[in-house]
Amino acid sequence: MSILFEPITIKSVQIRNHFVRSATYDGCADAKGFVTQNQIDFYSRLSAGGVGLIVTGITGVLESGKLMRFQNSLTDDRFIDGMKRLTGAVHSEGGKIAAQLCHAGREARHLPAQDSLPVAPSLIKGDSYFSGKCRAIETAEIWEIISAFGDAAKRAREADFDAVQIHGAHAYLLSQFLSPFTNRRSDGWGGSLSNRLRIHKEIYRNIRKKVGEDYPIMIKIGVVDCVQDGLSPTEGQAAAQCLGEIGYDALEISQGLRGQGYEQSEFRPNVVTIAQEAYFREYSRDVKAKIKVPVILVGGLRSFDLMEEIVTLGDADFVSLSRPLIKEPNLIREWEGGARRRSQCISCNRCFKMLRLGRPVSCAFAAGLLSE
């Protein structure tokens, strides 16, 4: 049996294999953030398809940090019952599930008041990477967000999620605090790497206080920016090491601020050869060598043999997939049955275009909208 199908644990939670469904906005929640039956069916298929650990798409901790219209919410106890139905469906198929908690920062849309502005660590003039409007966050608001992460995590545990994952990547609030490009504060939340990581540390402490010592708290961390004067790999790896040491129970290694186009983002297009896969592998390997908690590698993974090599060599403990499982939710089960073919996903990113049309996420080819 391949090492990829051996059980593995994150803190106290045993996972049936080394495959993670990386957090993916699915567009299936209702407009108020409640779970729908469509969403329950979607996650149930992933679990039945053999995924060991499913990480949900962005789940809001505050309405002011909402990114997408049809994203889930854990801003209130009213959302717990629906989330319980979702986690129950995943568990009934043998999988585990973590809630990804997110505040979009300056990327936030669908704000509760029309005249409100998204918040960011600093207001940057002449930023060619961001065309929206935002304002610099106040210290009291930082503490409000920290507490909101803790409250949302407590609700996630009450809803029977097996873990939570903090979204610290992909240009959202925690990436904005970590990056020297977007964080130009002169107070205790900016300047040194330690100060720029302060919000990550305080969120961990607040959550730990509210969920207890035995509950897994993970983080998706962007260890490099694709903008000039952004986070360097050296600082990013130091940041990851720090987070592993302070108590986060697993780190998923990805990208921080996005540059121009898909080519300078976490979802790079046209990944059609094995040489193009695993584009964050070097960063994962370097982080893995410095921390004791599990490391999850995401980014263009398509070939079974390459994923097996990555885990066997110790470059990561888990391999994390998103786009391949949109097209083929049963892919892991096929691999477990002995198939070793490459994922059919061609990384065209038309699945994201489906979301922009206001539809639930799906492969444009599998949906019959395009021919291969």
Protein backbone atom coordinates (compact mmCIF):
# COMPACT_ATOMS: atom_id res chain seq x y z
CA MET A 1 0.00 0.00 0.00
CA SER A 2 1.22 3.50 -0.80
CA ILE A 3 2.35 5.71 2.07
CA LEU A 4 -0.33 8.14 0.92
CA PHE A 5 -3.03 5.78 2.21
CA GLU A 6 -1.58 5.21 5.66
CA PRO A 7 -3.46 6.87 8.56
CA ILE A 8 -1.90 10.04 9.98
CA THR A 9 -2.81 12.34 12.85
CA ILE A 10 -3.01 16.07 13.40
CA LYS A 11 -2.90 16.57 17.15
CA SER A 12 -5.62 14.23 18.47
CA VAL A 13 -7.45 13.66 15.17
CA GLN A 14 -6.67 10.58 13.10
CA ILE A 15 -7.10 11.04 9.34
CA ARG A 16 -7.48 8.03 7.07
CA ASN A 17 -4.90 9.10 4.49
CA HIS A 18 -2.52 11.92 3.50
CA PHE A 19 -4.90 13.66 1.08
CA VAL A 20 -6.38 17.07 1.90
CA ARG A 21 -9.02 18.89 -0.09
CA SER A 22 -7.59 22.39 0.05
CA ALA A 23 -10.06 25.11 1.03
CA THR A 24 -12.11 26.16 -1.98
CA TYR A 25 -14.92 28.70 -2.11
CA ASP A 26 -17.86 26.72 -3.47
CA GLY A 27 -20.59 29.36 -3.92
CA CYS A 28 -23.14 26.98 -2.39
CA ALA A 29 -24.11 28.78 0.83
CA ASP A 30 -27.19 30.96 0.83
CA ALA A 31 -26.91 34.76 0.74
CA LYS A 32 -27.00 34.94 4.55
CA GLY A 33 -24.18 32.42 5.00
CA PHE A 34 -26.22 29.38 6.00
CA VAL A 35 -25.44 25.85 4.82
CA THR A 36 -27.63 24.53 1.98
CA GLN A 37 -28.50 20.99 0.94
CA ASN A 38 -26.50 21.52 -2.24
CA GLN A 39 -23.47 22.20 -0.07
CA ILE A 40 -24.06 19.16 2.12
CA ASP A 41 -24.24 16.99 -1.01
CA PHE A 42 -21.07 18.62 -2.39
CA TYR A 43 -19.01 17.84 0.72
CA SER A 44 -20.53 14.40 1.09
CA ARG A 45 -19.32 13.52 -2.43
CA LEU A 46 -15.79 14.62 -1.55
CA SER A 47 -15.77 12.47 1.57
CA ALA A 48 -17.24 9.48 -0.27
CA GLY A 49 -14.57 10.07 -2.92
CA GLY A 50 -11.85 9.25 -0.43
CA VAL A 51 -10.50 12.60 0.75
CA GLY A 52 -8.94 12.25 4.19
CA LEU A 53 -9.34 15.83 5.40
CA ILE A 54 -11.65 18.37 3.78
CA VAL A 55 -11.05 22.05 4.50
CA THR A 56 -14.12 24.17 3.81
CA GLY A 57 -14.07 27.29 1.71
CA ILE A 58 -13.70 30.71 3.33
CA THR A 59 -15.95 30.97 6.39
CA GLY A 60 -16.58 34.44 7.75
CA VAL A 61 -15.78 35.50 11.30
CA LEU A 62 -17.18 39.04 10.91
CA GLU A 63 -19.60 40.47 8.38
CA SER A 64 -17.15 43.31 7.76
CA GLY A 65 -14.63 40.78 6.47
CA LYS A 66 -16.92 39.00 4.03
CA LEU A 67 -15.37 38.30 0.65
CA MET A 68 -18.05 36.61 -1.45
CA ARG A 69 -21.84 36.77 -1.49
CA PHE A 70 -22.49 33.05 -1.09
CA GLN A 71 -19.83 32.20 1.48
CA ASN A 72 -20.49 30.49 4.79
CA SER A 73 -20.51 32.25 8.12
CA LEU A 74 -19.78 31.41 11.75
CA THR A 75 -20.44 34.91 13.02
CA ASP A 76 -23.35 33.80 15.20
CA ASP A 77 -24.67 30.72 16.98
CA ARG A 78 -27.51 30.57 14.44
CA PHE A 79 -25.14 28.96 11.96
CA ILE A 80 -24.19 25.99 14.15
CA ASP A 81 -27.11 23.68 13.36
CA GLY A 82 -26.56 23.87 9.61
CA MET A 83 -22.85 23.29 10.04
CA LYS A 84 -23.63 20.20 12.14
CA ARG A 85 -25.59 18.72 9.25
CA LEU A 86 -22.61 19.35 6.96
CA THR A 87 -20.02 17.82 9.29
CA GLY A 88 -22.32 14.87 9.93
CA ALA A 89 -22.56 14.16 6.21
CA VAL A 90 -18.76 14.18 5.88
CA HIS A 91 -18.26 11.97 8.93
CA SER A 92 -20.83 9.44 7.70
CA GLU A 93 -18.58 8.84 4.65
CA GLY A 94 -15.44 8.39 6.76
CA GLY A 95 -13.79 11.76 6.19
CA LYS A 96 -12.70 14.53 8.53
CA ILE A 97 -13.49 18.22 8.04
CA ALA A 98 -11.99 21.52 9.17
CA ALA A 99 -13.58 24.95 8.96
CA GLN A 100 -11.40 27.57 7.30
CA LEU A 101 -11.87 30.86 9.15
CA CYS A 102 -11.20 34.01 7.17
CA HIS A 103 -11.27 37.80 7.26
CA ALA A 104 -10.65 39.29 3.83
CA GLY A 105 -9.26 42.61 5.04
CA ARG A 106 -9.05 45.13 2.21
CA GLU A 107 -10.33 42.49 -0.23
CA ALA A 108 -13.72 42.38 1.56
CA ARG A 109 -16.89 42.88 -0.43
CA HIS A 110 -20.62 42.80 0.39
CA LEU A 111 -20.07 44.95 3.46
CA PRO A 112 -22.94 45.36 5.95
CA ALA A 113 -23.20 49.11 5.26
CA GLN A 114 -22.97 50.68 1.83
CA ASP A 115 -20.85 53.58 3.08
CA SER A 116 -18.36 51.38 4.98
CA LEU A 117 -14.89 50.62 3.68
CA PRO A 118 -12.83 47.44 3.99
CA VAL A 119 -9.99 47.59 6.51
CA ALA A 120 -6.28 47.02 5.89
CA PRO A 121 -3.14 47.27 8.04
CA SER A 122 -2.15 50.43 6.15
CA LEU A 123 -3.55 52.68 3.45
CA ILE A 124 -1.18 52.41 0.47
CA LYS A 125 -1.25 55.14 -2.14
CA GLY A 126 -0.39 54.24 -5.71
CA ASP A 127 -0.75 50.49 -5.16
CA SER A 128 -0.74 48.92 -8.62
CA TYR A 129 -1.79 45.54 -7.18
CA PHE A 130 -5.04 46.75 -5.58
CA SER A 131 -7.64 48.90 -7.25
CA GLY A 132 -10.29 49.01 -4.54
CA LYS A 133 -10.87 51.39 -1.67
CA CYS A 134 -9.99 50.69 1.96
CA ARG A 135 -8.96 52.38 5.19
CA ALA A 136 -6.31 51.74 7.82
CA ILE A 137 -7.59 49.59 10.66
CA GLU A 138 -7.78 50.93 14.21
CA THR A 139 -6.18 49.06 17.12
CA ALA A 140 -9.55 48.39 18.76
CA GLU A 141 -10.77 46.82 15.52
CA ILE A 142 -7.75 44.49 15.43
CA TRP A 143 -8.69 43.15 18.84
CA GLU A 144 -12.32 42.78 17.73
CA ILE A 145 -11.18 40.63 14.80
CA ILE A 146 -8.93 38.52 17.04
CA SER A 147 -11.85 37.82 19.37
CA ALA A 148 -14.13 37.06 16.41
CA PHE A 149 -11.73 34.35 15.21
CA GLY A 150 -11.86 32.79 18.67
CA ASP A 151 -15.65 32.91 18.83
CA ALA A 152 -15.97 31.40 15.34
CA ALA A 153 -13.58 28.59 16.26
CA LYS A 154 -15.63 27.82 19.37
CA ARG A 155 -18.74 27.57 17.20
CA ALA A 156 -16.87 25.33 14.76
CA ARG A 157 -16.06 22.92 17.57
CA GLU A 158 -19.69 22.98 18.71
CA ALA A 159 -20.69 22.16 15.12
CA ASP A 160 -18.47 19.03 15.23
CA PHE A 161 -15.72 20.24 12.91
CA ASP A 162 -12.59 18.18 13.55
CA ALA A 163 -10.34 21.25 13.38
CA VAL A 164 -10.16 24.84 12.24
CA GLN A 165 -7.78 26.37 9.73
CA ILE A 166 -6.93 30.07 9.89
CA HIS A 167 -6.58 31.67 6.46
CA GLY A 168 -3.21 33.40 6.50
CA ALA A 169 -2.58 33.43 2.75
CA HIS A 170 -3.84 34.62 -0.65
CA ALA A 171 -3.82 38.39 -0.05
CA TYR A 172 -6.41 38.37 2.74
CA LEU A 173 -6.08 40.16 6.09
CA LEU A 174 -3.37 38.07 7.73
CA SER A 175 -1.27 38.14 4.54
CA GLN A 176 -1.71 41.89 4.51
CA PHE A 177 -0.38 42.13 8.07
CA LEU A 178 2.56 39.81 7.36
CA SER A 179 3.69 41.51 4.16
CA PRO A 180 6.02 44.53 4.49
CA PHE A 181 4.39 45.86 1.31
CA THR A 182 0.88 46.19 2.79
CA ASN A 183 1.85 46.61 6.45
CA ARG A 184 3.62 49.92 6.98
CA ARG A 185 2.44 50.52 10.53
CA SER A 186 4.74 52.07 13.09
CA ASP A 187 2.96 50.67 16.15
CA GLY A 188 3.17 47.22 17.77
CA TRP A 189 1.40 45.61 14.79
CA GLY A 190 3.97 46.59 12.15
CA GLY A 191 7.65 47.01 11.42
CA SER A 192 9.57 43.93 12.55
CA LEU A 193 8.62 40.43 11.47
CA SER A 194 7.59 39.68 15.04
CA ASN A 195 5.21 42.64 15.07
CA ARG A 196 3.78 41.76 11.66
CA LEU A 197 3.10 38.26 13.00
CA ARG A 198 1.50 39.55 16.18
CA ILE A 199 -2.08 39.19 14.92
CA HIS A 200 -1.41 35.56 13.93
CA LYS A 201 -0.11 34.85 17.44
CA GLU A 202 -2.96 36.63 19.21
CA ILE A 203 -5.55 34.80 17.10
CA TYR A 204 -3.96 31.49 18.07
CA ARG A 205 -4.00 32.40 21.77
CA ASN A 206 -7.62 33.58 21.64
CA ILE A 207 -8.78 30.45 19.87
CA ARG A 208 -6.83 28.12 22.16
CA LYS A 209 -8.41 29.75 25.20
CA LYS A 210 -11.90 29.15 23.77
CA VAL A 211 -11.57 25.65 22.27
CA GLY A 212 -9.28 23.93 24.77
CA GLU A 213 -5.87 22.32 24.53
CA ASP A 214 -6.89 19.19 22.62
CA TYR A 215 -8.48 20.81 19.56
CA PRO A 216 -6.41 21.15 16.35
CA ILE A 217 -5.75 24.71 15.17
CA MET A 218 -4.16 24.86 11.72
CA ILE A 219 -3.08 27.76 9.53
CA LYS A 220 -2.68 28.28 5.81
CA ILE A 221 0.34 30.53 5.54
CA GLY A 222 1.58 32.47 2.54
CA VAL A 223 5.37 32.31 2.73
CA VAL A 224 6.17 34.49 -0.29
CA ASP A 225 4.55 37.44 -2.08
CA CYS A 226 4.41 38.01 -5.82
CA VAL A 227 4.72 41.79 -5.47
CA GLN A 228 7.81 43.97 -5.48
CA ASP A 229 9.07 44.72 -1.95
CA GLY A 230 6.74 42.09 -0.55
CA LEU A 231 7.37 39.15 1.76
CA SER A 232 10.59 37.35 0.87
CA PRO A 233 10.95 33.55 1.09
CA THR A 234 13.49 34.00 3.90
CA GLU A 235 11.08 36.00 6.05
CA GLY A 236 8.16 33.79 5.03
CA GLN A 237 9.92 30.64 6.16
CA ALA A 238 10.92 32.33 9.43
CA ALA A 239 7.29 33.28 9.95
CA ALA A 240 6.15 29.71 9.32
CA GLN A 241 8.73 28.39 11.77
CA CYS A 242 7.51 30.81 14.42
CA LEU A 243 3.87 29.77 13.95
CA GLY A 244 4.80 26.10 14.19
CA GLU A 245 6.64 26.78 17.43
CA ILE A 246 3.94 28.84 19.15
CA GLY A 247 1.35 26.07 18.85
CA TYR A 248 -0.36 25.84 15.48
CA ASP A 249 -0.92 22.13 14.92
CA ALA A 250 -0.39 22.01 11.13
CA LEU A 251 0.76 24.46 8.46
CA GLU A 252 -0.42 24.51 4.85
CA ILE A 253 2.23 26.23 2.72
CA SER A 254 1.02 28.58 0.01
CA GLN A 255 1.41 32.12 -1.35
CA GLY A 256 0.79 35.49 0.26
CA LEU A 257 0.02 38.59 -1.82
CA ARG A 258 -0.88 37.99 -5.45
CA GLY A 259 0.85 39.71 -8.32
CA GLN A 260 -0.53 40.29 -11.80
CA GLY A 261 -2.75 37.63 -13.33
CA TYR A 262 -3.15 33.94 -12.63
CA GLU A 263 0.55 33.34 -13.34
CA GLN A 264 1.47 35.26 -10.16
CA SER A 265 -1.19 33.68 -7.98
CA GLU A 266 -1.73 30.50 -6.02
CA PHE A 267 -3.84 29.03 -8.87
CA ARG A 268 -1.35 29.05 -11.70
CA PRO A 269 -2.83 28.10 -15.07
CA ASN A 270 -1.95 25.41 -17.61
CA VAL A 271 -0.25 22.96 -15.27
CA VAL A 272 0.08 20.18 -17.83
CA THR A 273 3.50 18.59 -17.14
CA ILE A 274 4.97 17.10 -14.00
CA ALA A 275 7.72 19.74 -14.02
CA GLN A 276 5.05 22.43 -13.55
CA GLU A 277 3.50 20.76 -10.52
CA ALA A 278 4.17 21.32 -6.81
CA TYR A 279 5.29 24.90 -7.29
CA PHE A 280 5.54 25.53 -3.53
CA ARG A 281 7.51 22.34 -2.85
CA GLU A 282 10.82 24.06 -2.11
CA TYR A 283 9.20 26.29 0.51
CA SER A 284 7.39 23.32 2.06
CA ARG A 285 10.63 21.34 2.27
CA ASP A 286 12.44 24.20 4.01
CA VAL A 287 9.62 24.74 6.50
CA LYS A 288 9.27 21.01 7.19
CA ALA A 289 12.96 20.82 8.13
CA LYS A 290 12.47 23.43 10.86
CA ILE A 291 9.21 22.50 12.59
CA LYS A 292 7.82 19.42 14.30
CA VAL A 293 4.11 19.77 13.40
CA PRO A 294 2.67 18.40 10.13
CA VAL A 295 3.18 20.37 6.92
CA ILE A 296 0.63 20.37 4.10
CA LEU A 297 1.77 21.09 0.53
CA VAL A 298 -0.62 22.66 -1.96
CA GLY A 299 -0.07 24.06 -5.44
CA GLY A 300 -0.52 22.37 -8.82
CA LEU A 301 -0.38 18.76 -7.63
CA ARG A 302 -1.70 16.45 -10.35
CA SER A 303 0.46 13.27 -10.47
CA PHE A 304 0.12 10.45 -7.93
CA ASP A 305 3.74 9.34 -8.21
CA LEU A 306 5.00 12.87 -7.52
CA MET A 307 2.79 13.20 -4.44
CA GLU A 308 4.01 9.85 -3.18
CA GLU A 309 7.60 11.00 -3.66
CA ILE A 310 6.96 14.26 -1.78
CA VAL A 311 5.59 12.46 1.28
CA THR A 312 8.13 9.64 1.14
CA LEU A 313 11.05 12.10 1.07
CA GLY A 314 9.55 14.14 3.89
CA ASP A 315 9.05 17.36 1.93
CA ALA A 316 5.51 17.44 3.36
CA ASP A 317 3.25 15.24 5.47
CA PHE A 318 0.08 15.86 3.46
CA VAL A 319 -0.68 16.71 -0.17
CA SER A 320 -3.50 19.16 -0.79
CA LEU A 321 -5.64 19.40 -3.92
CA SER A 322 -8.36 21.77 -5.04
CA ARG A 323 -9.00 22.07 -8.78
CA PRO A 324 -8.52 18.33 -9.55
CA LEU A 325 -11.28 17.47 -7.07
CA ILE A 326 -13.65 19.96 -8.67
CA LYS A 327 -13.45 17.96 -11.88
CA GLU A 328 -13.09 14.53 -10.28
CA PRO A 329 -14.44 14.31 -6.71
CA ASN A 330 -13.88 10.52 -6.75
CA LEU A 331 -10.20 10.77 -7.76
CA ILE A 332 -8.70 9.71 -4.41
CA ARG A 333 -10.91 6.62 -4.31
CA GLU A 334 -9.73 5.69 -7.81
CA TRP A 335 -6.10 6.03 -6.76
CA GLU A 336 -6.79 3.93 -3.68
CA GLY A 337 -8.20 1.24 -5.95
CA GLY A 338 -4.92 1.01 -7.83
CA ALA A 339 -5.27 3.54 -10.64
CA ARG A 340 -2.22 5.77 -10.97
CA ARG A 341 -3.30 8.02 -13.82
CA ARG A 342 -2.72 11.75 -13.69
CA SER A 343 -5.58 14.04 -12.75
CA GLN A 344 -7.59 15.18 -15.76
CA CYS A 345 -7.54 18.79 -14.55
CA ILE A 346 -5.71 21.05 -17.03
CA SER A 347 -5.68 24.10 -14.71
CA CYS A 348 -7.67 26.25 -17.12
CA ASN A 349 -9.27 28.11 -14.18
CA ARG A 350 -12.67 28.16 -15.87
CA CYS A 351 -14.06 26.78 -12.61
CA PHE A 352 -13.46 30.25 -11.16
CA LYS A 353 -15.34 31.79 -14.06
CA MET A 354 -18.32 29.65 -13.07
CA LEU A 355 -18.22 31.30 -9.66
CA ARG A 356 -18.11 34.75 -11.23
CA LEU A 357 -21.29 33.85 -13.10
CA GLY A 358 -22.92 33.33 -9.71
CA ARG A 359 -23.03 29.55 -10.05
CA PRO A 360 -21.78 26.93 -7.59
CA VAL A 361 -18.23 25.87 -8.34
CA SER A 362 -17.91 23.16 -10.97
CA CYS A 363 -15.60 22.10 -13.76
CA ALA A 364 -16.68 23.81 -16.99
CA PHE A 365 -15.83 20.63 -18.89
CA ALA A 366 -17.60 18.30 -16.48
CA ALA A 367 -20.63 20.59 -16.58
CA GLY A 368 -20.76 20.22 -20.35
CA LEU A 369 -20.24 23.93 -21.01
CA LEU A 370 -16.96 23.35 -22.84
CA SER A 371 -15.47 20.54 -24.89
CA GLU A 372 -12.01 19.20 -24.23
